[in-house]
Amino acid sequence: MTPETVVDIIRHALMTTFWLSAPLLGVCVAAGIAMSLLQVVTSIQDSAFSTAPRLAAFLLGLVLFLPWIVAKLMAYTTFILGDLGRYAR
């Protein structure tokens, strides 16, 4: 296995990780900003007031994006295991 192949495998793994985490991170950031703005407007500084909706938004995002995430993971696994003979050289 050449160093270029290893770099390509690692690059592909990191890009797949980025694209799999991006939708959930986007949902969490949007929920965090919305809750922070709501706390500023209402002057409520309770930590449970902001934590519970953020967790609920993450769970909703996970449920919505899970089929897409599983499909991407299956495509990545097929890509890696499909060329297994090429990596053994």
C-alpha atoms as a PDB file:
ATOM      1  CA  MET A   1       0.000   0.000   0.000  1.00  0.00           C
ATOM      2  CA  THR A   2       1.448   3.322  -1.028  1.00  0.00           C
ATOM      3  CA  PRO A   3       1.464   6.436   1.142  1.00  0.00           C
ATOM      4  CA  GLU A   4      -0.866   8.118  -1.369  1.00  0.00           C
ATOM      5  CA  THR A   5      -3.413   5.346  -0.867  1.00  0.00           C
ATOM      6  CA  VAL A   6      -3.257   5.721   2.910  1.00  0.00           C
ATOM      7  CA  VAL A   7      -3.680   9.488   2.621  1.00  0.00           C
ATOM      8  CA  ASP A   8      -6.625   8.991   0.291  1.00  0.00           C
ATOM      9  CA  ILE A   9      -8.306   6.525   2.691  1.00  0.00           C
ATOM     10  CA  ILE A  10      -7.809   8.858   5.662  1.00  0.00           C
ATOM     11  CA  ARG A  11      -9.016  11.871   3.665  1.00  0.00           C
ATOM     12  CA  HIS A  12     -12.108   9.982   2.583  1.00  0.00           C
ATOM     13  CA  ALA A  13     -12.792   8.836   6.167  1.00  0.00           C
ATOM     14  CA  LEU A  14     -12.450  12.387   7.517  1.00  0.00           C
ATOM     15  CA  MET A  15     -14.691  13.856   4.821  1.00  0.00           C
ATOM     16  CA  THR A  16     -17.308  11.178   5.470  1.00  0.00           C
ATOM     17  CA  THR A  17     -17.161  11.945   9.191  1.00  0.00           C
ATOM     18  CA  PHE A  18     -17.564  15.655   8.465  1.00  0.00           C
ATOM     19  CA  TRP A  19     -20.586  15.157   6.212  1.00  0.00           C
ATOM     20  CA  LEU A  20     -22.221  12.746   8.665  1.00  0.00           C
ATOM     21  CA  SER A  21     -21.851  15.136  11.592  1.00  0.00           C
ATOM     22  CA  ALA A  22     -22.687  18.382   9.751  1.00  0.00           C
ATOM     23  CA  PRO A  23     -26.512  18.096   9.777  1.00  0.00           C
ATOM     24  CA  LEU A  24     -26.688  17.249  13.486  1.00  0.00           C
ATOM     25  CA  LEU A  25     -24.226  19.992  14.362  1.00  0.00           C
ATOM     26  CA  GLY A  26     -26.278  22.444  12.309  1.00  0.00           C
ATOM     27  CA  VAL A  27     -29.458  21.485  14.152  1.00  0.00           C
ATOM     28  CA  CYS A  28     -27.703  21.803  17.518  1.00  0.00           C
ATOM     29  CA  VAL A  29     -26.207  25.192  16.677  1.00  0.00           C
ATOM     30  CA  ALA A  30     -29.558  26.514  15.446  1.00  0.00           C
ATOM     31  CA  ALA A  31     -31.313  25.237  18.581  1.00  0.00           C
ATOM     32  CA  GLY A  32     -28.615  26.714  20.796  1.00  0.00           C
ATOM     33  CA  ILE A  33     -28.857  30.126  19.151  1.00  0.00           C
ATOM     34  CA  ALA A  34     -32.650  30.082  19.337  1.00  0.00           C
ATOM     35  CA  MET A  35     -32.607  29.139  23.019  1.00  0.00           C
ATOM     36  CA  SER A  36     -29.980  31.754  23.819  1.00  0.00           C
ATOM     37  CA  LEU A  37     -32.030  34.436  22.102  1.00  0.00           C
ATOM     38  CA  LEU A  38     -35.143  33.298  23.952  1.00  0.00           C
ATOM     39  CA  GLN A  39     -33.255  33.439  27.257  1.00  0.00           C
ATOM     40  CA  VAL A  40     -32.026  36.959  26.506  1.00  0.00           C
ATOM     41  CA  VAL A  41     -35.509  38.147  25.558  1.00  0.00           C
ATOM     42  CA  THR A  42     -37.239  36.591  28.572  1.00  0.00           C
ATOM     43  CA  SER A  43     -34.350  37.061  31.060  1.00  0.00           C
ATOM     44  CA  ILE A  44     -34.672  33.447  32.203  1.00  0.00           C
ATOM     45  CA  GLN A  45     -31.275  32.097  33.259  1.00  0.00           C
ATOM     46  CA  ASP A  46     -32.265  28.569  34.223  1.00  0.00           C
ATOM     47  CA  SER A  47     -29.918  25.950  32.746  1.00  0.00           C
ATOM     48  CA  ALA A  48     -32.678  23.326  32.451  1.00  0.00           C
ATOM     49  CA  PHE A  49     -34.685  25.802  30.377  1.00  0.00           C
ATOM     50  CA  SER A  50     -32.006  25.759  27.678  1.00  0.00           C
ATOM     51  CA  THR A  51     -30.728  22.174  27.994  1.00  0.00           C
ATOM     52  CA  ALA A  52     -33.971  20.265  27.524  1.00  0.00           C
ATOM     53  CA  PRO A  53     -34.970  21.916  24.203  1.00  0.00           C
ATOM     54  CA  ARG A  54     -31.433  21.508  22.863  1.00  0.00           C
ATOM     55  CA  LEU A  55     -31.513  17.804  23.664  1.00  0.00           C
ATOM     56  CA  ALA A  56     -34.968  17.504  22.114  1.00  0.00           C
ATOM     57  CA  ALA A  57     -33.729  19.255  18.948  1.00  0.00           C
ATOM     58  CA  PHE A  58     -30.758  16.888  18.767  1.00  0.00           C
ATOM     59  CA  LEU A  59     -33.034  13.863  19.157  1.00  0.00           C
ATOM     60  CA  LEU A  60     -35.404  15.161  16.479  1.00  0.00           C
ATOM     61  CA  GLY A  61     -32.469  15.842  14.150  1.00  0.00           C
ATOM     62  CA  LEU A  62     -31.092  12.373  14.785  1.00  0.00           C
ATOM     63  CA  VAL A  63     -34.443  10.765  14.003  1.00  0.00           C
ATOM     64  CA  LEU A  64     -34.839  12.829  10.831  1.00  0.00           C
ATOM     65  CA  PHE A  65     -31.287  12.362   9.530  1.00  0.00           C
ATOM     66  CA  LEU A  66     -30.716   8.758  10.642  1.00  0.00           C
ATOM     67  CA  PRO A  67     -31.797   7.128   7.347  1.00  0.00           C
ATOM     68  CA  TRP A  68     -29.481   9.443   5.402  1.00  0.00           C
ATOM     69  CA  ILE A  69     -26.608   8.820   7.847  1.00  0.00           C
ATOM     70  CA  VAL A  70     -27.040   5.039   7.610  1.00  0.00           C
ATOM     71  CA  ALA A  71     -27.121   5.213   3.794  1.00  0.00           C
ATOM     72  CA  LYS A  72     -23.887   7.266   3.765  1.00  0.00           C
ATOM     73  CA  LEU A  73     -22.208   4.848   6.183  1.00  0.00           C
ATOM     74  CA  MET A  74     -23.244   1.886   4.048  1.00  0.00           C
ATOM     75  CA  ALA A  75     -21.868   3.589   0.927  1.00  0.00           C
ATOM     76  CA  TYR A  76     -18.578   4.318   2.710  1.00  0.00           C
ATOM     77  CA  THR A  77     -18.317   0.744   4.002  1.00  0.00           C
ATOM     78  CA  THR A  78     -19.011  -0.609   0.518  1.00  0.00           C
ATOM     79  CA  PHE A  79     -16.344   1.721  -0.891  1.00  0.00           C
ATOM     80  CA  ILE A  80     -13.727   0.569   1.623  1.00  0.00           C
ATOM     81  CA  LEU A  81     -14.545  -3.147   1.580  1.00  0.00           C
ATOM     82  CA  GLY A  82     -15.105  -3.213  -2.175  1.00  0.00           C
ATOM     83  CA  ASP A  83     -11.448  -2.415  -2.829  1.00  0.00           C
ATOM     84  CA  LEU A  84     -10.045  -4.585  -0.060  1.00  0.00           C
ATOM     85  CA  GLY A  85      -7.845  -6.488  -2.491  1.00  0.00           C
ATOM     86  CA  ARG A  86      -6.252  -3.266  -3.661  1.00  0.00           C
ATOM     87  CA  TYR A  87      -5.221  -2.386  -0.108  1.00  0.00           C
ATOM     88  CA  ALA A  88      -3.575  -5.759   0.516  1.00  0.00           C
ATOM     89  CA  ARG A  89      -0.864  -5.241  -2.076  1.00  0.00           C
END
